[in-house]
């Protein structure tokens, strides 16, 4: 099996922890997690992906093995930091793929850093400022958007209870909660055990308003995009069309869609289908 090595790379004042697999001479695939995850989300599929790509799974700034607060939690800023880290690790012809908040960052890379990437995969998320953003944000089932954005309150209530709180999200959003096993759940909780890590996660939500304002300004996006969802996570035909139409209206001219089995934790619930879809898309970008 392909080995996964751990590395730390500096991007400005931020030290990024990375899981790395594959040959640096191959085109790169950068993998980004969301809430409440870390790079461990992708460990089980990295060997599959590394057969064709140079795979880098980062812990987002200040989370897990990454240290140092980014200058902003805006997704365009985080995309720049992650791409700096990837470039410092000799990544070339980069396809950037992200899930949840990581998907928002992947979109920001396509929108604001297009010259640095070959393609972007946006998974299991809605992009701030892009339809159906307002509809999703107003859904009472998405209560945590407002809670996490409140100053200080979520840190006060969640600190010391990270594992229980994270398990709630996993059990609610996964099509098969058993697919997210004990070792992964423990890795997620450990990644946010430091106060600055937990704050970094909540700051992603506090930046949504600024992200939405930026994304609402239409820009021509020629970078190939793949929008993908797990079928148990709201991927019926009408919902998929709504998300894809929103991205197209925002300027994305080369956009594909894909539905795969499972819920919101696609790398764990549908590893083979996800790996196949991402590699097929990477081949098209090349």
C-alpha atoms as a PDB file:
ATOM      1  CA  UNK A   1       0.000   0.000   0.000  1.00  0.00           C
ATOM      2  CA  UNK A   2       1.167   3.529  -0.770  1.00  0.00           C
ATOM      3  CA  UNK A   3       2.693   5.174   2.291  1.00  0.00           C
ATOM      4  CA  UNK A   4       1.243   8.354   3.746  1.00  0.00           C
ATOM      5  CA  UNK A   5       3.855  10.664   5.204  1.00  0.00           C
ATOM      6  CA  UNK A   6       3.317  13.685   7.439  1.00  0.00           C
ATOM      7  CA  UNK A   7       4.943  17.035   6.783  1.00  0.00           C
ATOM      8  CA  UNK A   8       4.824  20.640   7.951  1.00  0.00           C
ATOM      9  CA  UNK A   9       5.158  23.462   5.443  1.00  0.00           C
ATOM     10  CA  UNK A  10       5.204  27.203   6.086  1.00  0.00           C
ATOM     11  CA  UNK A  11       2.900  29.526   4.180  1.00  0.00           C
ATOM     12  CA  UNK A  12       3.555  33.079   5.341  1.00  0.00           C
ATOM     13  CA  UNK A  13       3.040  33.000   9.133  1.00  0.00           C
ATOM     14  CA  UNK A  14       1.011  29.789   9.064  1.00  0.00           C
ATOM     15  CA  UNK A  15       2.470  26.316   9.480  1.00  0.00           C
ATOM     16  CA  UNK A  16       0.358  23.810   7.577  1.00  0.00           C
ATOM     17  CA  UNK A  17       0.229  20.160   8.521  1.00  0.00           C
ATOM     18  CA  UNK A  18      -0.063  17.904   5.476  1.00  0.00           C
ATOM     19  CA  UNK A  19      -0.611  14.223   4.802  1.00  0.00           C
ATOM     20  CA  UNK A  20       1.219  13.353   1.583  1.00  0.00           C
ATOM     21  CA  UNK A  21       1.035  10.348  -0.718  1.00  0.00           C
ATOM     22  CA  UNK A  22       2.274   9.670  -4.235  1.00  0.00           C
ATOM     23  CA  UNK A  23       4.952  11.006  -6.533  1.00  0.00           C
ATOM     24  CA  UNK A  24       5.614  14.748  -6.632  1.00  0.00           C
ATOM     25  CA  UNK A  25       6.249  14.409 -10.363  1.00  0.00           C
ATOM     26  CA  UNK A  26       2.577  13.605 -10.938  1.00  0.00           C
ATOM     27  CA  UNK A  27      -0.165  16.240 -11.226  1.00  0.00           C
ATOM     28  CA  UNK A  28      -1.293  17.278  -7.768  1.00  0.00           C
ATOM     29  CA  UNK A  29      -4.570  16.756  -5.952  1.00  0.00           C
ATOM     30  CA  UNK A  30      -5.101  18.937  -2.867  1.00  0.00           C
ATOM     31  CA  UNK A  31      -7.753  17.702  -0.417  1.00  0.00           C
ATOM     32  CA  UNK A  32      -9.461  20.013   2.085  1.00  0.00           C
ATOM     33  CA  UNK A  33     -11.696  19.079   4.985  1.00  0.00           C
ATOM     34  CA  UNK A  34     -14.512  21.059   6.585  1.00  0.00           C
ATOM     35  CA  UNK A  35     -16.337  21.184   9.920  1.00  0.00           C
ATOM     36  CA  UNK A  36     -15.691  19.379  12.216  1.00  0.00           C
ATOM     37  CA  UNK A  37     -13.001  17.420  10.417  1.00  0.00           C
ATOM     38  CA  UNK A  38      -9.254  17.367   9.835  1.00  0.00           C
ATOM     39  CA  UNK A  39      -7.055  15.839   7.147  1.00  0.00           C
ATOM     40  CA  UNK A  40      -7.689  12.379   8.650  1.00  0.00           C
ATOM     41  CA  UNK A  41     -10.970  12.474   6.723  1.00  0.00           C
ATOM     42  CA  UNK A  42      -9.073  11.459   3.583  1.00  0.00           C
ATOM     43  CA  UNK A  43      -6.512   8.937   4.847  1.00  0.00           C
ATOM     44  CA  UNK A  44      -8.448   5.886   3.652  1.00  0.00           C
ATOM     45  CA  UNK A  45      -8.701   7.095   0.034  1.00  0.00           C
ATOM     46  CA  UNK A  46      -5.270   8.678  -0.356  1.00  0.00           C
ATOM     47  CA  UNK A  47      -3.567   5.408  -1.451  1.00  0.00           C
ATOM     48  CA  UNK A  48      -6.175   4.973  -4.217  1.00  0.00           C
ATOM     49  CA  UNK A  49      -5.757   8.536  -5.400  1.00  0.00           C
ATOM     50  CA  UNK A  50      -1.964   8.401  -5.163  1.00  0.00           C
ATOM     51  CA  UNK A  51      -1.798   5.804  -7.915  1.00  0.00           C
ATOM     52  CA  UNK A  52      -2.405   8.658 -10.359  1.00  0.00           C
ATOM     53  CA  UNK A  53      -1.909  11.910  -8.439  1.00  0.00           C
ATOM     54  CA  UNK A  54       0.457  13.580  -5.986  1.00  0.00           C
ATOM     55  CA  UNK A  55      -1.977  13.844  -3.071  1.00  0.00           C
ATOM     56  CA  UNK A  56      -1.817  16.479  -0.320  1.00  0.00           C
ATOM     57  CA  UNK A  57      -4.444  16.462   2.446  1.00  0.00           C
ATOM     58  CA  UNK A  58      -4.025  19.559   4.613  1.00  0.00           C
ATOM     59  CA  UNK A  59      -5.248  20.381   8.076  1.00  0.00           C
ATOM     60  CA  UNK A  60      -6.780  23.824   7.608  1.00  0.00           C
ATOM     61  CA  UNK A  61      -4.936  26.724   9.280  1.00  0.00           C
ATOM     62  CA  UNK A  62      -4.739  26.437  13.097  1.00  0.00           C
ATOM     63  CA  UNK A  63      -6.475  23.023  13.123  1.00  0.00           C
ATOM     64  CA  UNK A  64      -4.769  19.726  13.997  1.00  0.00           C
ATOM     65  CA  UNK A  65      -1.116  19.744  12.951  1.00  0.00           C
ATOM     66  CA  UNK A  66      -1.460  23.265  11.487  1.00  0.00           C
ATOM     67  CA  UNK A  67      -0.449  26.165  13.697  1.00  0.00           C
ATOM     68  CA  UNK A  68      -0.678  29.934  13.446  1.00  0.00           C
ATOM     69  CA  UNK A  69      -3.799  32.008  12.905  1.00  0.00           C
ATOM     70  CA  UNK A  70      -4.488  33.072   9.309  1.00  0.00           C
ATOM     71  CA  UNK A  71      -4.967  36.795   8.693  1.00  0.00           C
ATOM     72  CA  UNK A  72      -8.631  36.115   7.913  1.00  0.00           C
ATOM     73  CA  UNK A  73     -11.063  33.200   7.781  1.00  0.00           C
ATOM     74  CA  UNK A  74     -12.410  34.411   4.449  1.00  0.00           C
ATOM     75  CA  UNK A  75     -12.312  31.527   2.018  1.00  0.00           C
ATOM     76  CA  UNK A  76     -10.318  33.368  -0.663  1.00  0.00           C
ATOM     77  CA  UNK A  77      -7.598  34.029   1.942  1.00  0.00           C
ATOM     78  CA  UNK A  78      -7.596  30.405   3.113  1.00  0.00           C
ATOM     79  CA  UNK A  79      -7.412  29.242  -0.509  1.00  0.00           C
ATOM     80  CA  UNK A  80      -4.302  31.363  -1.036  1.00  0.00           C
ATOM     81  CA  UNK A  81      -2.649  29.959   2.099  1.00  0.00           C
ATOM     82  CA  UNK A  82      -3.380  26.356   1.154  1.00  0.00           C
ATOM     83  CA  UNK A  83      -2.158  26.885  -2.391  1.00  0.00           C
ATOM     84  CA  UNK A  84       1.056  28.478  -1.075  1.00  0.00           C
ATOM     85  CA  UNK A  85       1.583  25.390   1.039  1.00  0.00           C
ATOM     86  CA  UNK A  86       0.939  23.062  -1.888  1.00  0.00           C
ATOM     87  CA  UNK A  87       3.263  25.022  -4.162  1.00  0.00           C
ATOM     88  CA  UNK A  88       5.985  24.913  -1.499  1.00  0.00           C
ATOM     89  CA  UNK A  89       5.629  21.115  -1.567  1.00  0.00           C
ATOM     90  CA  UNK A  90       6.242  21.111  -5.342  1.00  0.00           C
ATOM     91  CA  UNK A  91       2.599  20.623  -6.331  1.00  0.00           C
ATOM     92  CA  UNK A  92       1.930  21.290 -10.017  1.00  0.00           C
ATOM     93  CA  UNK A  93      -1.178  21.149 -12.232  1.00  0.00           C
ATOM     94  CA  UNK A  94      -3.239  21.317  -9.058  1.00  0.00           C
ATOM     95  CA  UNK A  95      -6.807  20.117  -8.774  1.00  0.00           C
ATOM     96  CA  UNK A  96      -8.213  21.259  -5.429  1.00  0.00           C
ATOM     97  CA  UNK A  97     -11.051  19.269  -3.882  1.00  0.00           C
ATOM     98  CA  UNK A  98     -12.885  20.197  -0.704  1.00  0.00           C
ATOM     99  CA  UNK A  99     -15.800  18.977   1.375  1.00  0.00           C
ATOM    100  CA  UNK A 100     -18.112  21.225   3.424  1.00  0.00           C
ATOM    101  CA  UNK A 101     -16.102  24.376   4.293  1.00  0.00           C
ATOM    102  CA  UNK A 102     -13.265  22.875   2.264  1.00  0.00           C
ATOM    103  CA  UNK A 103     -15.609  22.965  -0.732  1.00  0.00           C
ATOM    104  CA  UNK A 104     -16.179  26.677  -0.168  1.00  0.00           C
ATOM    105  CA  UNK A 105     -12.392  27.123  -0.190  1.00  0.00           C
ATOM    106  CA  UNK A 106     -12.087  25.061  -3.368  1.00  0.00           C
ATOM    107  CA  UNK A 107     -14.636  27.323  -5.040  1.00  0.00           C
ATOM    108  CA  UNK A 108     -12.705  30.393  -3.847  1.00  0.00           C
ATOM    109  CA  UNK A 109      -9.574  28.917  -5.426  1.00  0.00           C
ATOM    110  CA  UNK A 110     -11.402  28.619  -8.765  1.00  0.00           C
ATOM    111  CA  UNK A 111     -12.897  32.094  -8.493  1.00  0.00           C
ATOM    112  CA  UNK A 112      -9.967  34.094  -7.092  1.00  0.00           C
ATOM    113  CA  UNK A 113      -6.823  32.046  -7.844  1.00  0.00           C
ATOM    114  CA  UNK A 114      -7.716  30.468 -11.169  1.00  0.00           C
ATOM    115  CA  UNK A 115      -4.262  30.783 -12.700  1.00  0.00           C
ATOM    116  CA  UNK A 116      -2.824  28.529  -9.972  1.00  0.00           C
ATOM    117  CA  UNK A 117      -5.109  25.516 -10.415  1.00  0.00           C
ATOM    118  CA  UNK A 118      -6.315  23.167 -13.148  1.00  0.00           C
ATOM    119  CA  UNK A 119      -9.696  22.364 -11.619  1.00  0.00           C
ATOM    120  CA  UNK A 120     -11.822  22.387  -8.462  1.00  0.00           C
ATOM    121  CA  UNK A 121     -14.169  19.891  -6.827  1.00  0.00           C
ATOM    122  CA  UNK A 122     -16.859  21.281  -4.510  1.00  0.00           C
ATOM    123  CA  UNK A 123     -18.417  18.573  -2.324  1.00  0.00           C
ATOM    124  CA  UNK A 124     -21.392  18.444   0.027  1.00  0.00           C
ATOM    125  CA  UNK A 125     -21.793  22.156   0.617  1.00  0.00           C
ATOM    126  CA  UNK A 126     -23.458  25.361  -0.435  1.00  0.00           C
ATOM    127  CA  UNK A 127     -21.236  28.308  -1.390  1.00  0.00           C
ATOM    128  CA  UNK A 128     -21.805  31.584   0.522  1.00  0.00           C
ATOM    129  CA  UNK A 129     -23.526  34.209  -1.611  1.00  0.00           C
ATOM    130  CA  UNK A 130     -24.421  31.769  -4.393  1.00  0.00           C
ATOM    131  CA  UNK A 131     -27.900  30.304  -4.744  1.00  0.00           C
ATOM    132  CA  UNK A 132     -29.347  28.480  -2.926  1.00  0.00           C
ATOM    133  CA  UNK A 133     -27.287  30.126  -0.155  1.00  0.00           C
ATOM    134  CA  UNK A 134     -30.090  32.216   1.361  1.00  0.00           C
ATOM    135  CA  UNK A 135     -32.511  29.299   1.269  1.00  0.00           C
ATOM    136  CA  UNK A 136     -30.054  26.965   2.980  1.00  0.00           C
ATOM    137  CA  UNK A 137     -28.953  29.513   5.589  1.00  0.00           C
ATOM    138  CA  UNK A 138     -32.603  30.175   6.508  1.00  0.00           C
ATOM    139  CA  UNK A 139     -33.393  26.476   6.998  1.00  0.00           C
ATOM    140  CA  UNK A 140     -33.888  25.838  10.761  1.00  0.00           C
ATOM    141  CA  UNK A 141     -32.090  22.507  10.347  1.00  0.00           C
ATOM    142  CA  UNK A 142     -28.954  24.561   9.587  1.00  0.00           C
ATOM    143  CA  UNK A 143     -29.144  26.304  12.976  1.00  0.00           C
ATOM    144  CA  UNK A 144     -25.427  25.922  13.584  1.00  0.00           C
ATOM    145  CA  UNK A 145     -24.539  28.539  10.947  1.00  0.00           C
ATOM    146  CA  UNK A 146     -25.901  31.283  13.224  1.00  0.00           C
ATOM    147  CA  UNK A 147     -24.707  29.673  16.456  1.00  0.00           C
ATOM    148  CA  UNK A 148     -21.135  29.240  15.257  1.00  0.00           C
ATOM    149  CA  UNK A 149     -21.034  32.833  13.998  1.00  0.00           C
ATOM    150  CA  UNK A 150     -21.894  34.279  17.426  1.00  0.00           C
ATOM    151  CA  UNK A 151     -18.896  35.924  19.120  1.00  0.00           C
ATOM    152  CA  UNK A 152     -17.352  33.794  21.898  1.00  0.00           C
ATOM    153  CA  UNK A 153     -20.534  31.858  22.766  1.00  0.00           C
ATOM    154  CA  UNK A 154     -19.804  28.628  20.875  1.00  0.00           C
ATOM    155  CA  UNK A 155     -16.278  28.446  22.315  1.00  0.00           C
ATOM    156  CA  UNK A 156     -17.752  28.841  25.819  1.00  0.00           C
ATOM    157  CA  UNK A 157     -20.306  26.082  25.376  1.00  0.00           C
ATOM    158  CA  UNK A 158     -18.292  23.578  23.312  1.00  0.00           C
ATOM    159  CA  UNK A 159     -14.855  23.717  24.981  1.00  0.00           C
ATOM    160  CA  UNK A 160     -14.301  20.470  26.843  1.00  0.00           C
ATOM    161  CA  UNK A 161     -17.264  18.883  25.070  1.00  0.00           C
ATOM    162  CA  UNK A 162     -15.793  18.718  21.571  1.00  0.00           C
ATOM    163  CA  UNK A 163     -16.223  14.976  21.119  1.00  0.00           C
ATOM    164  CA  UNK A 164     -19.911  14.945  22.088  1.00  0.00           C
ATOM    165  CA  UNK A 165     -20.640  17.979  19.960  1.00  0.00           C
ATOM    166  CA  UNK A 166     -18.810  16.617  16.935  1.00  0.00           C
ATOM    167  CA  UNK A 167     -20.503  13.227  17.281  1.00  0.00           C
ATOM    168  CA  UNK A 168     -23.855  14.999  16.972  1.00  0.00           C
ATOM    169  CA  UNK A 169     -22.881  16.401  13.563  1.00  0.00           C
ATOM    170  CA  UNK A 170     -21.432  13.106  12.395  1.00  0.00           C
ATOM    171  CA  UNK A 171     -24.474  11.094  13.443  1.00  0.00           C
ATOM    172  CA  UNK A 172     -26.873  13.646  11.939  1.00  0.00           C
ATOM    173  CA  UNK A 173     -25.151  14.237   8.600  1.00  0.00           C
ATOM    174  CA  UNK A 174     -23.724  10.829   7.746  1.00  0.00           C
ATOM    175  CA  UNK A 175     -25.878   8.487   5.702  1.00  0.00           C
ATOM    176  CA  UNK A 176     -24.186   5.695   7.664  1.00  0.00           C
ATOM    177  CA  UNK A 177     -22.730   6.991  10.959  1.00  0.00           C
ATOM    178  CA  UNK A 178     -20.911   3.677  11.471  1.00  0.00           C
ATOM    179  CA  UNK A 179     -18.737   4.527   8.464  1.00  0.00           C
ATOM    180  CA  UNK A 180     -17.135   7.259  10.588  1.00  0.00           C
ATOM    181  CA  UNK A 181     -15.351   4.954  12.996  1.00  0.00           C
ATOM    182  CA  UNK A 182     -13.908   5.569  16.445  1.00  0.00           C
ATOM    183  CA  UNK A 183     -10.386   6.328  15.235  1.00  0.00           C
ATOM    184  CA  UNK A 184     -11.591   9.039  12.848  1.00  0.00           C
ATOM    185  CA  UNK A 185     -13.943  10.577  15.428  1.00  0.00           C
ATOM    186  CA  UNK A 186     -11.103  10.687  17.944  1.00  0.00           C
ATOM    187  CA  UNK A 187      -8.816  12.330  15.370  1.00  0.00           C
ATOM    188  CA  UNK A 188     -11.420  15.003  14.661  1.00  0.00           C
ATOM    189  CA  UNK A 189     -11.874  15.812  18.359  1.00  0.00           C
ATOM    190  CA  UNK A 190      -8.115  15.929  18.947  1.00  0.00           C
ATOM    191  CA  UNK A 191      -7.661  18.306  16.003  1.00  0.00           C
ATOM    192  CA  UNK A 192      -9.800  20.961  17.731  1.00  0.00           C
ATOM    193  CA  UNK A 193      -8.670  20.385  21.324  1.00  0.00           C
ATOM    194  CA  UNK A 194      -6.594  23.572  21.380  1.00  0.00           C
ATOM    195  CA  UNK A 195      -8.595  26.780  21.977  1.00  0.00           C
ATOM    196  CA  UNK A 196      -7.137  28.391  18.859  1.00  0.00           C
ATOM    197  CA  UNK A 197      -8.200  25.413  16.746  1.00  0.00           C
ATOM    198  CA  UNK A 198     -11.794  25.514  17.951  1.00  0.00           C
ATOM    199  CA  UNK A 199     -11.877  29.270  17.377  1.00  0.00           C
ATOM    200  CA  UNK A 200     -10.517  28.793  13.854  1.00  0.00           C
ATOM    201  CA  UNK A 201     -13.414  26.443  13.063  1.00  0.00           C
ATOM    202  CA  UNK A 202     -16.018  28.887  14.322  1.00  0.00           C
ATOM    203  CA  UNK A 203     -14.279  31.754  12.514  1.00  0.00           C
ATOM    204  CA  UNK A 204     -15.042  30.014   9.200  1.00  0.00           C
ATOM    205  CA  UNK A 205     -18.710  30.700   9.944  1.00  0.00           C
ATOM    206  CA  UNK A 206     -18.075  34.237  11.174  1.00  0.00           C
ATOM    207  CA  UNK A 207     -16.554  35.004   7.779  1.00  0.00           C
ATOM    208  CA  UNK A 208     -19.572  33.779   5.794  1.00  0.00           C
ATOM    209  CA  UNK A 209     -21.019  37.270   5.457  1.00  0.00           C
ATOM    210  CA  UNK A 210     -17.809  38.589   3.901  1.00  0.00           C
ATOM    211  CA  UNK A 211     -17.542  35.452   1.718  1.00  0.00           C
ATOM    212  CA  UNK A 212     -21.121  35.919   0.511  1.00  0.00           C
ATOM    213  CA  UNK A 213     -20.545  39.552  -0.337  1.00  0.00           C
ATOM    214  CA  UNK A 214     -17.460  38.675  -2.369  1.00  0.00           C
ATOM    215  CA  UNK A 215     -19.048  35.746  -4.199  1.00  0.00           C
ATOM    216  CA  UNK A 216     -22.191  37.705  -5.028  1.00  0.00           C
ATOM    217  CA  UNK A 217     -20.120  39.817  -7.421  1.00  0.00           C
ATOM    218  CA  UNK A 218     -20.325  37.810 -10.607  1.00  0.00           C
ATOM    219  CA  UNK A 219     -17.016  36.794 -12.161  1.00  0.00           C
ATOM    220  CA  UNK A 220     -16.271  34.694 -15.223  1.00  0.00           C
ATOM    221  CA  UNK A 221     -14.866  31.395 -13.946  1.00  0.00           C
ATOM    222  CA  UNK A 222     -13.265  29.314 -16.691  1.00  0.00           C
ATOM    223  CA  UNK A 223     -11.715  26.783 -14.309  1.00  0.00           C
ATOM    224  CA  UNK A 224     -13.396  23.371 -14.645  1.00  0.00           C
ATOM    225  CA  UNK A 225     -15.639  22.651 -11.646  1.00  0.00           C
ATOM    226  CA  UNK A 226     -17.183  19.429 -10.382  1.00  0.00           C
ATOM    227  CA  UNK A 227     -20.092  19.789  -7.962  1.00  0.00           C
ATOM    228  CA  UNK A 228     -20.659  16.544  -6.065  1.00  0.00           C
ATOM    229  CA  UNK A 229     -22.981  15.394  -3.272  1.00  0.00           C
ATOM    230  CA  UNK A 230     -23.799  12.218  -1.407  1.00  0.00           C
ATOM    231  CA  UNK A 231     -27.314  11.124  -2.274  1.00  0.00           C
ATOM    232  CA  UNK A 232     -28.329  10.908   1.399  1.00  0.00           C
ATOM    233  CA  UNK A 233     -27.219  14.506   1.954  1.00  0.00           C
ATOM    234  CA  UNK A 234     -29.788  16.313  -0.198  1.00  0.00           C
ATOM    235  CA  UNK A 235     -28.697  15.283  -3.682  1.00  0.00           C
ATOM    236  CA  UNK A 236     -32.047  14.748  -5.387  1.00  0.00           C
ATOM    237  CA  UNK A 237     -32.254  15.974  -8.978  1.00  0.00           C
ATOM    238  CA  UNK A 238     -34.000  19.243  -8.127  1.00  0.00           C
ATOM    239  CA  UNK A 239     -31.529  20.151  -5.389  1.00  0.00           C
ATOM    240  CA  UNK A 240     -28.536  19.325  -7.562  1.00  0.00           C
ATOM    241  CA  UNK A 241     -29.915  21.461 -10.373  1.00  0.00           C
ATOM    242  CA  UNK A 242     -30.456  24.340  -7.954  1.00  0.00           C
ATOM    243  CA  UNK A 243     -26.843  24.244  -6.777  1.00  0.00           C
ATOM    244  CA  UNK A 244     -25.405  23.861 -10.277  1.00  0.00           C
ATOM    245  CA  UNK A 245     -27.586  26.641 -11.661  1.00  0.00           C
ATOM    246  CA  UNK A 246     -26.405  28.936  -8.864  1.00  0.00           C
ATOM    247  CA  UNK A 247     -22.762  28.242  -9.670  1.00  0.00           C
ATOM    248  CA  UNK A 248     -23.406  28.757 -13.365  1.00  0.00           C
ATOM    249  CA  UNK A 249     -25.165  32.074 -12.689  1.00  0.00           C
ATOM    250  CA  UNK A 250     -22.158  33.109 -10.586  1.00  0.00           C
ATOM    251  CA  UNK A 251     -19.972  32.724 -13.690  1.00  0.00           C
ATOM    252  CA  UNK A 252     -18.836  29.084 -13.737  1.00  0.00           C
ATOM    253  CA  UNK A 253     -18.856  28.125 -17.418  1.00  0.00           C
ATOM    254  CA  UNK A 254     -17.323  24.621 -17.171  1.00  0.00           C
ATOM    255  CA  UNK A 255     -19.311  22.800 -14.528  1.00  0.00           C
ATOM    256  CA  UNK A 256     -20.140  19.134 -14.099  1.00  0.00           C
ATOM    257  CA  UNK A 257     -22.285  17.413 -11.473  1.00  0.00           C
ATOM    258  CA  UNK A 258     -22.072  14.039  -9.786  1.00  0.00           C
ATOM    259  CA  UNK A 259     -24.172  12.196  -7.212  1.00  0.00           C
ATOM    260  CA  UNK A 260     -22.589   9.359  -5.231  1.00  0.00           C
ATOM    261  CA  UNK A 261     -23.857   7.060  -2.460  1.00  0.00           C
ATOM    262  CA  UNK A 262     -23.778   7.999   1.208  1.00  0.00           C
ATOM    263  CA  UNK A 263     -24.262  11.212   3.114  1.00  0.00           C
ATOM    264  CA  UNK A 264     -22.022  14.135   3.981  1.00  0.00           C
ATOM    265  CA  UNK A 265     -18.912  12.063   4.798  1.00  0.00           C
ATOM    266  CA  UNK A 266     -18.242  10.860   1.265  1.00  0.00           C
ATOM    267  CA  UNK A 267     -14.552   9.872   1.698  1.00  0.00           C
ATOM    268  CA  UNK A 268     -15.628   7.434   4.417  1.00  0.00           C
ATOM    269  CA  UNK A 269     -19.078   6.402   3.207  1.00  0.00           C
ATOM    270  CA  UNK A 270     -18.366   5.992  -0.511  1.00  0.00           C
ATOM    271  CA  UNK A 271     -14.568   5.832  -0.882  1.00  0.00           C
ATOM    272  CA  UNK A 272     -14.466   3.930  -4.173  1.00  0.00           C
ATOM    273  CA  UNK A 273     -17.135   6.046  -5.858  1.00  0.00           C
ATOM    274  CA  UNK A 274     -15.600   9.286  -4.646  1.00  0.00           C
ATOM    275  CA  UNK A 275     -12.093   8.278  -5.704  1.00  0.00           C
ATOM    276  CA  UNK A 276     -13.296   7.218  -9.134  1.00  0.00           C
ATOM    277  CA  UNK A 277     -15.253  10.440  -9.694  1.00  0.00           C
ATOM    278  CA  UNK A 278     -12.381  12.672  -8.588  1.00  0.00           C
ATOM    279  CA  UNK A 279      -9.798  10.864 -10.726  1.00  0.00           C
ATOM    280  CA  UNK A 280     -12.075  10.967 -13.777  1.00  0.00           C
ATOM    281  CA  UNK A 281     -12.508  14.697 -13.279  1.00  0.00           C
ATOM    282  CA  UNK A 282      -8.748  15.193 -12.817  1.00  0.00           C
ATOM    283  CA  UNK A 283      -8.146  13.381 -16.101  1.00  0.00           C
ATOM    284  CA  UNK A 284     -10.563  15.718 -17.848  1.00  0.00           C
ATOM    285  CA  UNK A 285      -8.797  18.738 -16.368  1.00  0.00           C
ATOM    286  CA  UNK A 286      -5.454  17.468 -17.644  1.00  0.00           C
END
